[in-house]
Amino acid sequence: MTKKTVTAQYPEAQPELPPRSRGVIALFEENCTVCMLCARECPDWCIYIDSHKETVPAAAPGGRERSRNVLDRFAIDFSLCMYCGICIEVCPFDALFWSPEFEYAETDIHELTHERDKLRDWMWTVPAPPALDAAAEEPKELAAARKAAEKLAQEAAEQKQSTAEQKQSAAEPQDSAADQQGTAGEEGAQ
C-alpha cells in the first residue's frame, strides 16, 4: 500500500513496445507474386487471395509472350488469425512482415477482415531490420552485384576513352591536310 500504482492509463499513455514486437501482418504488395504459399500454409485459412492472369508482351523482338499473375485481392481475417507467423516465414519473396501496430479494434467482427490497402498502410510502421555486424562478411549477392557494376563502369570508361582517341586521331589528319594546303597556298603567293 505504500508503493505507487503502476497501472498505465492506456489511451492517454501509449505503451513502450519492445523492439521488433509482433502486432499485425503488413503486406509489401510490390513483392507479392501471387504464389499462394502463405494461404496454403496458414493453419487457420484466414488469408484470402484472388488474382487473374495477364499477358505480358515479348521483351525482345521475335520472342514469345508471357503470362503472369496479377494480384486482385489480398485480405487477412484477423478474427481468425492466431499470429503464428507461418505466412511470413514461408513467403519466398519477402512480401509479408510483422508490424508493431496493435490498435486495430473494430466494433463488428466482420470488419476485422482487412484488405490489401490497409495491409499496405501498415507496411510503413514496419521497423527497419537490425544492422549487420560490422565484422560480418558481405553477402555474396552484394559482392557479385558490386563486381558486375565495377566491370560495367570500367568497360564504359574504356569505351569512352577509345571513342575520344578515335575522334582525336580522325581530327589530326584533317589538321595536317589543312596545314599542307595552307603551306601550298603560301608558296603559290610568293
N, C-alpha and C. Protein backbone atom coordinates (compact mmCIF):
# COMPACT_ATOMS: atom_id res chain seq x y z
N MET A 1 0.80 -1.19 0.00
CA MET A 1 0.00 0.00 0.00
C MET A 1 0.85 1.26 0.00
N THR A 2 2.11 1.13 0.31
CA THR A 2 2.97 2.31 0.33
C THR A 2 3.60 2.59 -1.02
N LYS A 3 3.49 1.65 -1.96
CA LYS A 3 4.08 1.85 -3.29
C LYS A 3 3.11 2.55 -4.22
N LYS A 4 3.67 3.24 -5.20
CA LYS A 4 2.86 3.93 -6.20
C LYS A 4 2.26 2.91 -7.16
N THR A 5 1.06 3.15 -7.66
CA THR A 5 0.43 2.21 -8.59
C THR A 5 1.14 2.24 -9.93
N VAL A 6 1.10 1.11 -10.64
CA VAL A 6 1.79 1.01 -11.91
C VAL A 6 0.82 0.85 -13.08
N THR A 7 -0.44 1.10 -12.84
CA THR A 7 -1.43 0.98 -13.90
C THR A 7 -1.22 2.07 -14.93
N ALA A 8 -1.10 1.68 -16.19
CA ALA A 8 -0.93 2.65 -17.27
C ALA A 8 -2.30 2.97 -17.83
N GLN A 9 -2.63 4.23 -17.89
CA GLN A 9 -3.91 4.66 -18.46
C GLN A 9 -3.76 4.61 -19.97
N TYR A 10 -4.21 3.48 -20.58
CA TYR A 10 -3.86 3.15 -21.96
C TYR A 10 -4.12 4.23 -23.02
N PRO A 11 -5.28 4.71 -23.24
CA PRO A 11 -5.38 5.61 -24.41
C PRO A 11 -4.53 6.86 -24.26
N GLU A 12 -4.39 7.36 -23.04
CA GLU A 12 -3.60 8.58 -22.84
C GLU A 12 -2.11 8.27 -22.84
N ALA A 13 -1.72 7.17 -22.22
CA ALA A 13 -0.30 6.79 -22.15
C ALA A 13 -0.07 5.59 -23.06
N GLN A 14 0.68 5.80 -24.13
CA GLN A 14 0.98 4.71 -25.06
C GLN A 14 2.02 3.78 -24.44
N PRO A 15 1.87 2.47 -24.62
CA PRO A 15 2.83 1.53 -24.02
C PRO A 15 4.18 1.57 -24.74
N GLU A 16 5.22 1.23 -24.01
CA GLU A 16 6.56 1.11 -24.59
C GLU A 16 6.68 -0.30 -25.16
N LEU A 17 6.64 -0.42 -26.47
CA LEU A 17 6.71 -1.74 -27.09
C LEU A 17 8.16 -2.19 -27.22
N PRO A 18 8.43 -3.47 -27.02
CA PRO A 18 9.78 -3.97 -27.24
C PRO A 18 10.14 -3.90 -28.72
N PRO A 19 11.43 -3.79 -29.04
CA PRO A 19 11.80 -3.73 -30.46
C PRO A 19 11.40 -5.02 -31.17
N ARG A 20 11.00 -4.87 -32.44
CA ARG A 20 10.59 -5.98 -33.30
C ARG A 20 9.39 -6.72 -32.72
N SER A 21 8.49 -6.02 -32.02
CA SER A 21 7.32 -6.67 -31.45
C SER A 21 6.35 -7.06 -32.56
N ARG A 22 5.54 -8.08 -32.32
CA ARG A 22 4.59 -8.59 -33.31
C ARG A 22 3.22 -7.99 -33.05
N GLY A 23 2.73 -7.26 -34.02
CA GLY A 23 1.39 -6.70 -33.90
C GLY A 23 0.49 -7.31 -34.95
N VAL A 24 0.49 -6.75 -36.14
CA VAL A 24 -0.30 -7.28 -37.24
C VAL A 24 0.63 -7.59 -38.41
N ILE A 25 0.06 -8.19 -39.45
CA ILE A 25 0.85 -8.57 -40.61
C ILE A 25 0.68 -7.50 -41.68
N ALA A 26 1.79 -6.99 -42.18
CA ALA A 26 1.78 -5.95 -43.22
C ALA A 26 2.17 -6.57 -44.55
N LEU A 27 1.64 -6.00 -45.64
CA LEU A 27 1.87 -6.53 -46.99
C LEU A 27 2.69 -5.54 -47.80
N PHE A 28 3.81 -6.01 -48.37
CA PHE A 28 4.59 -5.24 -49.33
C PHE A 28 4.17 -5.73 -50.71
N GLU A 29 3.16 -5.07 -51.25
CA GLU A 29 2.44 -5.57 -52.42
C GLU A 29 3.33 -5.74 -53.65
N GLU A 30 4.35 -4.92 -53.81
CA GLU A 30 5.21 -5.00 -54.99
C GLU A 30 5.97 -6.31 -55.05
N ASN A 31 6.23 -6.93 -53.91
CA ASN A 31 6.97 -8.19 -53.89
C ASN A 31 6.09 -9.41 -54.04
N CYS A 32 4.79 -9.25 -53.91
CA CYS A 32 3.88 -10.40 -53.96
C CYS A 32 3.75 -10.90 -55.41
N THR A 33 4.01 -12.18 -55.61
CA THR A 33 3.90 -12.79 -56.94
C THR A 33 2.67 -13.70 -57.04
N VAL A 34 1.81 -13.68 -56.06
CA VAL A 34 0.59 -14.49 -56.00
C VAL A 34 0.94 -15.99 -56.10
N CYS A 35 1.96 -16.39 -55.37
CA CYS A 35 2.35 -17.81 -55.37
C CYS A 35 1.45 -18.64 -54.47
N MET A 36 0.68 -17.99 -53.60
CA MET A 36 -0.31 -18.62 -52.72
C MET A 36 0.30 -19.48 -51.62
N LEU A 37 1.60 -19.42 -51.41
CA LEU A 37 2.21 -20.22 -50.35
C LEU A 37 1.69 -19.82 -48.97
N CYS A 38 1.53 -18.52 -48.75
CA CYS A 38 1.07 -18.07 -47.44
C CYS A 38 -0.33 -18.59 -47.15
N ALA A 39 -1.22 -18.54 -48.14
CA ALA A 39 -2.59 -19.00 -47.94
C ALA A 39 -2.64 -20.52 -47.75
N ARG A 40 -1.78 -21.26 -48.45
CA ARG A 40 -1.78 -22.72 -48.33
C ARG A 40 -1.23 -23.18 -46.99
N GLU A 41 -0.23 -22.46 -46.47
CA GLU A 41 0.41 -22.88 -45.23
C GLU A 41 -0.30 -22.37 -43.98
N CYS A 42 -1.22 -21.44 -44.12
CA CYS A 42 -1.91 -20.87 -42.97
C CYS A 42 -2.76 -21.94 -42.29
N PRO A 43 -2.52 -22.23 -41.00
CA PRO A 43 -3.30 -23.27 -40.33
C PRO A 43 -4.75 -22.86 -40.07
N ASP A 44 -5.04 -21.57 -40.08
CA ASP A 44 -6.40 -21.09 -39.83
C ASP A 44 -7.16 -20.76 -41.10
N TRP A 45 -6.53 -20.80 -42.24
CA TRP A 45 -7.13 -20.44 -43.51
C TRP A 45 -7.75 -19.04 -43.43
N CYS A 46 -6.98 -18.10 -42.94
CA CYS A 46 -7.51 -16.74 -42.77
C CYS A 46 -6.98 -15.77 -43.82
N ILE A 47 -6.22 -16.25 -44.81
CA ILE A 47 -5.69 -15.39 -45.87
C ILE A 47 -6.47 -15.67 -47.15
N TYR A 48 -7.00 -14.61 -47.73
CA TYR A 48 -7.80 -14.72 -48.95
C TYR A 48 -7.09 -13.99 -50.08
N ILE A 49 -6.79 -14.72 -51.16
CA ILE A 49 -6.07 -14.14 -52.29
C ILE A 49 -6.85 -14.42 -53.57
N ASP A 50 -7.05 -13.37 -54.36
CA ASP A 50 -7.64 -13.50 -55.69
C ASP A 50 -6.69 -12.87 -56.69
N SER A 51 -6.61 -13.48 -57.88
CA SER A 51 -5.72 -12.93 -58.90
C SER A 51 -6.28 -13.26 -60.28
N HIS A 52 -5.68 -12.66 -61.28
CA HIS A 52 -6.01 -13.00 -62.66
C HIS A 52 -4.72 -13.03 -63.47
N LYS A 53 -4.77 -13.75 -64.58
CA LYS A 53 -3.59 -13.84 -65.45
C LYS A 53 -3.61 -12.69 -66.45
N GLU A 54 -2.43 -12.17 -66.71
CA GLU A 54 -2.28 -11.06 -67.64
C GLU A 54 -1.14 -11.41 -68.60
N THR A 55 -1.34 -11.12 -69.88
CA THR A 55 -0.32 -11.42 -70.88
C THR A 55 0.66 -10.25 -70.96
N VAL A 56 1.93 -10.58 -70.90
CA VAL A 56 2.99 -9.58 -70.98
C VAL A 56 3.62 -9.70 -72.36
N PRO A 57 3.78 -8.59 -73.09
CA PRO A 57 4.38 -8.70 -74.42
C PRO A 57 5.83 -9.17 -74.35
N ALA A 58 6.32 -9.66 -75.47
CA ALA A 58 7.68 -10.19 -75.53
C ALA A 58 8.70 -9.10 -75.22
N ALA A 59 9.73 -9.46 -74.49
CA ALA A 59 10.77 -8.49 -74.11
C ALA A 59 11.65 -8.15 -75.31
N ALA A 60 11.89 -9.11 -76.18
CA ALA A 60 12.74 -8.89 -77.35
C ALA A 60 11.92 -9.18 -78.60
N PRO A 61 12.26 -8.55 -79.71
CA PRO A 61 11.53 -8.85 -80.95
C PRO A 61 11.72 -10.32 -81.32
N GLY A 62 10.63 -10.94 -81.73
CA GLY A 62 10.69 -12.35 -82.10
C GLY A 62 10.50 -13.28 -80.92
N GLY A 63 10.43 -12.74 -79.70
CA GLY A 63 10.23 -13.56 -78.50
C GLY A 63 8.76 -13.91 -78.35
N ARG A 64 8.48 -14.72 -77.36
CA ARG A 64 7.09 -15.10 -77.15
C ARG A 64 6.50 -14.35 -75.96
N GLU A 65 5.20 -14.21 -76.00
CA GLU A 65 4.51 -13.52 -74.91
C GLU A 65 4.51 -14.40 -73.67
N ARG A 66 4.50 -13.75 -72.53
CA ARG A 66 4.47 -14.46 -71.25
C ARG A 66 3.19 -14.10 -70.52
N SER A 67 2.80 -14.94 -69.59
CA SER A 67 1.65 -14.60 -68.75
C SER A 67 2.13 -14.55 -67.30
N ARG A 68 1.52 -13.64 -66.54
CA ARG A 68 1.88 -13.52 -65.14
C ARG A 68 0.61 -13.28 -64.33
N ASN A 69 0.67 -13.63 -63.06
CA ASN A 69 -0.46 -13.41 -62.16
C ASN A 69 -0.44 -11.98 -61.65
N VAL A 70 -1.60 -11.37 -61.61
CA VAL A 70 -1.75 -10.01 -61.08
C VAL A 70 -2.66 -10.10 -59.87
N LEU A 71 -2.22 -9.50 -58.78
CA LEU A 71 -2.95 -9.55 -57.52
C LEU A 71 -4.21 -8.69 -57.58
N ASP A 72 -5.36 -9.28 -57.33
CA ASP A 72 -6.62 -8.55 -57.28
C ASP A 72 -7.05 -8.28 -55.84
N ARG A 73 -6.92 -9.30 -55.00
CA ARG A 73 -7.34 -9.16 -53.61
C ARG A 73 -6.37 -9.91 -52.72
N PHE A 74 -5.98 -9.26 -51.64
CA PHE A 74 -5.19 -9.91 -50.58
C PHE A 74 -5.79 -9.44 -49.28
N ALA A 75 -6.40 -10.34 -48.54
CA ALA A 75 -7.07 -9.97 -47.29
C ALA A 75 -6.70 -10.97 -46.21
N ILE A 76 -6.62 -10.48 -44.98
CA ILE A 76 -6.37 -11.33 -43.82
C ILE A 76 -7.50 -11.10 -42.83
N ASP A 77 -8.10 -12.18 -42.39
CA ASP A 77 -9.16 -12.10 -41.40
C ASP A 77 -8.52 -12.23 -40.02
N PHE A 78 -8.37 -11.08 -39.34
CA PHE A 78 -7.69 -11.08 -38.05
C PHE A 78 -8.58 -11.61 -36.92
N SER A 79 -9.84 -11.90 -37.20
CA SER A 79 -10.66 -12.57 -36.19
C SER A 79 -10.33 -14.06 -36.14
N LEU A 80 -9.75 -14.59 -37.21
CA LEU A 80 -9.33 -15.99 -37.25
C LEU A 80 -7.83 -16.17 -37.02
N CYS A 81 -7.05 -15.17 -37.37
CA CYS A 81 -5.58 -15.28 -37.31
C CYS A 81 -5.12 -15.53 -35.88
N MET A 82 -4.18 -16.46 -35.72
CA MET A 82 -3.64 -16.72 -34.39
C MET A 82 -2.21 -16.19 -34.25
N TYR A 83 -1.78 -15.37 -35.23
CA TYR A 83 -0.49 -14.66 -35.17
C TYR A 83 0.69 -15.62 -34.99
N CYS A 84 0.64 -16.74 -35.70
CA CYS A 84 1.73 -17.71 -35.61
C CYS A 84 2.93 -17.30 -36.44
N GLY A 85 2.71 -16.51 -37.51
CA GLY A 85 3.80 -16.03 -38.34
C GLY A 85 4.26 -17.00 -39.39
N ILE A 86 3.54 -18.09 -39.60
CA ILE A 86 3.94 -19.07 -40.61
C ILE A 86 3.91 -18.44 -42.00
N CYS A 87 2.91 -17.60 -42.27
CA CYS A 87 2.82 -16.96 -43.59
C CYS A 87 4.04 -16.09 -43.86
N ILE A 88 4.54 -15.43 -42.85
CA ILE A 88 5.72 -14.58 -43.02
C ILE A 88 6.96 -15.44 -43.25
N GLU A 89 7.04 -16.55 -42.54
CA GLU A 89 8.19 -17.44 -42.67
C GLU A 89 8.27 -18.09 -44.05
N VAL A 90 7.11 -18.50 -44.61
CA VAL A 90 7.14 -19.25 -45.87
C VAL A 90 7.17 -18.36 -47.10
N CYS A 91 6.94 -17.06 -46.96
CA CYS A 91 6.91 -16.18 -48.13
C CYS A 91 8.31 -16.10 -48.74
N PRO A 92 8.50 -16.61 -49.96
CA PRO A 92 9.85 -16.62 -50.56
C PRO A 92 10.26 -15.27 -51.13
N PHE A 93 9.34 -14.31 -51.22
CA PHE A 93 9.64 -13.05 -51.87
C PHE A 93 9.61 -11.85 -50.92
N ASP A 94 9.59 -12.10 -49.63
CA ASP A 94 9.55 -11.04 -48.61
C ASP A 94 8.44 -10.04 -48.88
N ALA A 95 7.22 -10.55 -48.98
CA ALA A 95 6.06 -9.68 -49.19
C ALA A 95 5.28 -9.46 -47.91
N LEU A 96 5.51 -10.26 -46.88
CA LEU A 96 4.80 -10.13 -45.61
C LEU A 96 5.77 -9.84 -44.48
N PHE A 97 5.37 -8.93 -43.59
CA PHE A 97 6.23 -8.51 -42.48
C PHE A 97 5.39 -8.34 -41.22
N TRP A 98 6.05 -8.43 -40.06
CA TRP A 98 5.40 -8.10 -38.80
C TRP A 98 5.42 -6.61 -38.61
N SER A 99 4.28 -6.05 -38.28
CA SER A 99 4.19 -4.63 -37.95
C SER A 99 3.92 -4.51 -36.45
N PRO A 100 4.48 -3.54 -35.76
CA PRO A 100 4.20 -3.39 -34.33
C PRO A 100 2.83 -2.75 -34.05
N GLU A 101 2.08 -2.43 -35.10
CA GLU A 101 0.76 -1.81 -34.92
C GLU A 101 -0.18 -2.79 -34.21
N PHE A 102 -0.83 -2.32 -33.17
CA PHE A 102 -1.74 -3.20 -32.43
C PHE A 102 -3.12 -2.57 -32.21
N GLU A 103 -3.31 -1.35 -32.62
CA GLU A 103 -4.58 -0.67 -32.42
C GLU A 103 -5.43 -0.78 -33.68
N TYR A 104 -6.14 -1.88 -33.81
CA TYR A 104 -6.99 -2.07 -34.98
C TYR A 104 -8.32 -2.71 -34.58
N ALA A 105 -8.76 -2.43 -33.36
CA ALA A 105 -10.02 -3.00 -32.87
C ALA A 105 -11.20 -2.45 -33.67
N GLU A 106 -12.20 -3.27 -33.85
CA GLU A 106 -13.41 -2.89 -34.58
C GLU A 106 -14.63 -3.22 -33.71
N THR A 107 -15.74 -2.58 -33.99
CA THR A 107 -16.97 -2.85 -33.23
C THR A 107 -17.70 -4.07 -33.76
N ASP A 108 -17.44 -4.44 -35.01
CA ASP A 108 -18.10 -5.60 -35.61
C ASP A 108 -17.02 -6.60 -36.04
N ILE A 109 -17.24 -7.87 -35.75
CA ILE A 109 -16.25 -8.90 -36.07
C ILE A 109 -16.03 -9.03 -37.58
N HIS A 110 -17.03 -8.67 -38.37
CA HIS A 110 -16.89 -8.76 -39.83
C HIS A 110 -15.94 -7.71 -40.38
N GLU A 111 -15.68 -6.68 -39.63
CA GLU A 111 -14.77 -5.61 -40.08
C GLU A 111 -13.31 -5.93 -39.76
N LEU A 112 -13.05 -7.08 -39.15
CA LEU A 112 -11.67 -7.47 -38.86
C LEU A 112 -10.99 -8.14 -40.05
N THR A 113 -11.69 -8.29 -41.16
CA THR A 113 -11.06 -8.76 -42.39
C THR A 113 -10.51 -7.52 -43.09
N HIS A 114 -9.19 -7.39 -43.06
CA HIS A 114 -8.54 -6.20 -43.61
C HIS A 114 -8.02 -6.50 -45.01
N GLU A 115 -8.36 -5.62 -45.94
CA GLU A 115 -7.97 -5.78 -47.34
C GLU A 115 -6.55 -5.24 -47.56
N ARG A 116 -6.08 -5.37 -48.80
CA ARG A 116 -4.68 -5.05 -49.10
C ARG A 116 -4.33 -3.59 -48.90
N ASP A 117 -5.27 -2.66 -49.05
CA ASP A 117 -4.92 -1.25 -48.83
C ASP A 117 -4.57 -0.99 -47.37
N LYS A 118 -5.30 -1.60 -46.44
CA LYS A 118 -4.99 -1.46 -45.01
C LYS A 118 -3.68 -2.17 -44.68
N LEU A 119 -3.48 -3.35 -45.25
CA LEU A 119 -2.24 -4.10 -45.01
C LEU A 119 -1.04 -3.33 -45.58
N ARG A 120 -1.25 -2.64 -46.71
CA ARG A 120 -0.18 -1.84 -47.31
C ARG A 120 0.14 -0.64 -46.43
N ASP A 121 -0.88 -0.02 -45.84
CA ASP A 121 -0.65 1.11 -44.95
C ASP A 121 0.16 0.72 -43.73
N TRP A 122 -0.04 -0.50 -43.23
CA TRP A 122 0.73 -0.96 -42.07
C TRP A 122 2.19 -1.21 -42.42
N MET A 123 2.51 -1.32 -43.69
CA MET A 123 3.89 -1.54 -44.10
C MET A 123 4.79 -0.38 -43.65
N TRP A 124 4.21 0.82 -43.57
CA TRP A 124 5.01 1.99 -43.17
C TRP A 124 5.39 1.95 -41.71
N THR A 125 4.74 1.10 -40.91
CA THR A 125 5.07 1.01 -39.48
C THR A 125 6.08 -0.09 -39.19
N VAL A 126 6.46 -0.85 -40.21
CA VAL A 126 7.43 -1.93 -40.01
C VAL A 126 8.81 -1.33 -39.77
N PRO A 127 9.46 -1.68 -38.65
CA PRO A 127 10.80 -1.12 -38.39
C PRO A 127 11.84 -1.70 -39.34
N ALA A 128 12.90 -0.95 -39.52
CA ALA A 128 14.00 -1.42 -40.38
C ALA A 128 14.66 -2.64 -39.73
N PRO A 129 15.19 -3.54 -40.54
CA PRO A 129 15.86 -4.71 -39.95
C PRO A 129 17.10 -4.29 -39.19
N PRO A 130 17.50 -5.09 -38.22
CA PRO A 130 18.70 -4.73 -37.45
C PRO A 130 19.93 -4.70 -38.35
N ALA A 131 20.86 -3.84 -38.01
CA ALA A 131 22.07 -3.68 -38.82
C ALA A 131 22.93 -4.95 -38.74
N LEU A 132 23.64 -5.21 -39.81
CA LEU A 132 24.55 -6.36 -39.82
C LEU A 132 25.75 -6.08 -38.93
N ASP A 133 26.35 -7.13 -38.45
CA ASP A 133 27.55 -7.00 -37.64
C ASP A 133 28.65 -6.40 -38.51
N ALA A 134 29.38 -5.44 -37.96
CA ALA A 134 30.43 -4.76 -38.74
C ALA A 134 31.52 -5.73 -39.18
N ALA A 135 31.76 -6.78 -38.40
CA ALA A 135 32.82 -7.73 -38.74
C ALA A 135 32.32 -8.87 -39.62
N ALA A 136 31.04 -8.86 -39.97
CA ALA A 136 30.48 -9.95 -40.77
C ALA A 136 30.91 -9.83 -42.23
N GLU A 137 30.92 -10.97 -42.91
CA GLU A 137 31.24 -10.97 -44.33
C GLU A 137 30.10 -10.32 -45.11
N GLU A 138 30.46 -9.70 -46.21
CA GLU A 138 29.45 -9.12 -47.08
C GLU A 138 28.68 -10.24 -47.77
N PRO A 139 27.37 -10.12 -47.91
CA PRO A 139 26.62 -11.16 -48.61
C PRO A 139 27.16 -11.38 -50.03
N LYS A 140 27.14 -12.61 -50.48
CA LYS A 140 27.69 -12.95 -51.79
C LYS A 140 26.96 -12.23 -52.92
N GLU A 141 25.65 -12.02 -52.73
CA GLU A 141 24.87 -11.33 -53.76
C GLU A 141 25.34 -9.90 -53.94
N LEU A 142 25.61 -9.22 -52.81
CA LEU A 142 26.09 -7.83 -52.88
C LEU A 142 27.48 -7.76 -53.50
N ALA A 143 28.34 -8.69 -53.13
CA ALA A 143 29.69 -8.70 -53.70
C ALA A 143 29.64 -8.93 -55.21
N ALA A 144 28.80 -9.87 -55.65
CA ALA A 144 28.67 -10.14 -57.09
C ALA A 144 28.09 -8.93 -57.82
N ALA A 145 27.09 -8.28 -57.22
CA ALA A 145 26.49 -7.10 -57.86
C ALA A 145 27.49 -5.96 -57.95
N ARG A 146 28.27 -5.76 -56.88
CA ARG A 146 29.27 -4.68 -56.89
C ARG A 146 30.34 -4.95 -57.94
N LYS A 147 30.77 -6.21 -58.04
CA LYS A 147 31.79 -6.58 -59.02
C LYS A 147 31.28 -6.35 -60.44
N ALA A 148 30.02 -6.74 -60.70
CA ALA A 148 29.43 -6.54 -62.03
C ALA A 148 29.30 -5.05 -62.35
N ALA A 149 28.91 -4.24 -61.36
CA ALA A 149 28.77 -2.80 -61.58
C ALA A 149 30.13 -2.16 -61.86
N GLU A 150 31.16 -2.58 -61.13
CA GLU A 150 32.51 -2.04 -61.37
C GLU A 150 33.00 -2.43 -62.76
N LYS A 151 32.71 -3.65 -63.18
CA LYS A 151 33.13 -4.12 -64.50
C LYS A 151 32.43 -3.30 -65.59
N LEU A 152 31.13 -3.06 -65.44
CA LEU A 152 30.39 -2.25 -66.41
C LEU A 152 30.93 -0.81 -66.45
N ALA A 153 31.23 -0.26 -65.28
CA ALA A 153 31.76 1.10 -65.23
C ALA A 153 33.13 1.17 -65.91
N GLN A 154 33.96 0.16 -65.70
CA GLN A 154 35.28 0.12 -66.32
C GLN A 154 35.16 -0.01 -67.83
N GLU A 155 34.25 -0.88 -68.30
CA GLU A 155 34.05 -1.03 -69.74
C GLU A 155 33.53 0.26 -70.36
N ALA A 156 32.64 0.95 -69.67
CA ALA A 156 32.11 2.22 -70.18
C ALA A 156 33.22 3.27 -70.25
N ALA A 157 34.09 3.30 -69.25
CA ALA A 157 35.20 4.26 -69.26
C ALA A 157 36.17 3.95 -70.39
N GLU A 158 36.47 2.66 -70.61
CA GLU A 158 37.37 2.27 -71.69
C GLU A 158 36.75 2.62 -73.05
N GLN A 159 35.46 2.39 -73.20
CA GLN A 159 34.79 2.71 -74.46
C GLN A 159 34.79 4.22 -74.69
N LYS A 160 34.58 4.98 -73.66
CA LYS A 160 34.58 6.44 -73.78
C LYS A 160 35.97 6.93 -74.17
N GLN A 161 37.00 6.33 -73.56
CA GLN A 161 38.38 6.72 -73.87
C GLN A 161 38.73 6.36 -75.31
N SER A 162 38.29 5.17 -75.76
CA SER A 162 38.63 4.76 -77.12
C SER A 162 37.91 5.63 -78.15
N THR A 163 36.66 6.03 -77.89
CA THR A 163 35.97 6.92 -78.82
C THR A 163 36.61 8.30 -78.84
N ALA A 164 37.09 8.75 -77.69
CA ALA A 164 37.79 10.04 -77.65
C ALA A 164 39.08 9.97 -78.45
N GLU A 165 39.81 8.86 -78.33
CA GLU A 165 41.05 8.69 -79.09
C GLU A 165 40.76 8.61 -80.58
N GLN A 166 39.66 7.92 -80.96
CA GLN A 166 39.30 7.83 -82.37
C GLN A 166 38.95 9.20 -82.93
N LYS A 167 38.22 10.00 -82.17
CA LYS A 167 37.87 11.35 -82.62
C LYS A 167 39.12 12.20 -82.77
N GLN A 168 40.05 12.05 -81.82
CA GLN A 168 41.29 12.83 -81.87
C GLN A 168 42.14 12.41 -83.07
N SER A 169 42.26 11.09 -83.31
CA SER A 169 43.06 10.62 -84.44
C SER A 169 42.40 10.99 -85.76
N ALA A 170 41.06 11.04 -85.81
CA ALA A 170 40.37 11.44 -87.02
C ALA A 170 40.54 12.94 -87.26
N ALA A 171 40.66 13.72 -86.23
CA ALA A 171 40.82 15.17 -86.36
C ALA A 171 42.25 15.54 -86.75
N GLU A 172 43.26 14.76 -86.35
CA GLU A 172 44.66 15.08 -86.65
C GLU A 172 44.97 15.06 -88.15
N PRO A 173 44.53 14.05 -88.94
CA PRO A 173 44.83 14.09 -90.38
C PRO A 173 44.18 15.29 -91.06
N GLN A 174 43.02 15.69 -90.64
CA GLN A 174 42.39 16.87 -91.25
C GLN A 174 43.21 18.12 -90.96
N ASP A 175 43.74 18.22 -89.73
CA ASP A 175 44.57 19.37 -89.38
C ASP A 175 45.84 19.40 -90.21
N SER A 176 46.48 18.22 -90.40
CA SER A 176 47.72 18.18 -91.18
C SER A 176 47.42 18.48 -92.65
N ALA A 177 46.27 18.03 -93.16
CA ALA A 177 45.90 18.33 -94.55
C ALA A 177 45.64 19.82 -94.69
N ALA A 178 45.01 20.42 -93.73
CA ALA A 178 44.77 21.87 -93.78
C ALA A 178 46.08 22.63 -93.70
N ASP A 179 47.05 22.16 -92.92
CA ASP A 179 48.36 22.80 -92.83
C ASP A 179 49.09 22.71 -94.17
N GLN A 180 48.99 21.52 -94.82
CA GLN A 180 49.66 21.36 -96.11
C GLN A 180 49.04 22.29 -97.15
N GLN A 181 47.70 22.42 -97.12
CA GLN A 181 47.04 23.33 -98.07
C GLN A 181 47.47 24.76 -97.78
N GLY A 182 47.60 25.06 -96.50
CA GLY A 182 47.99 26.42 -96.11
C GLY A 182 49.41 26.71 -96.58
N THR A 183 50.35 25.76 -96.49
CA THR A 183 51.73 25.96 -96.95
C THR A 183 51.79 26.06 -98.47
N ALA A 184 50.95 25.25 -99.14
CA ALA A 184 50.92 25.32 -100.60
C ALA A 184 50.38 26.64 -101.05
N GLY A 185 49.44 27.18 -100.37
CA GLY A 185 48.88 28.49 -100.71
C GLY A 185 49.89 29.60 -100.49
N GLU A 186 50.72 29.47 -99.46
CA GLU A 186 51.74 30.48 -99.17
C GLU A 186 52.81 30.44 -100.24
N GLU A 187 53.21 29.22 -100.68
CA GLU A 187 54.23 29.08 -101.71
C GLU A 187 53.76 29.67 -103.03
N GLY A 188 52.48 29.44 -103.36
CA GLY A 188 51.93 29.96 -104.61
C GLY A 188 51.86 31.48 -104.57
N ALA A 189 51.67 32.05 -103.38
CA ALA A 189 51.56 33.52 -103.25
C ALA A 189 52.93 34.16 -103.42
N GLN A 190 54.01 33.41 -103.11
CA GLN A 190 55.34 34.00 -103.21
C GLN A 190 55.76 33.93 -104.60
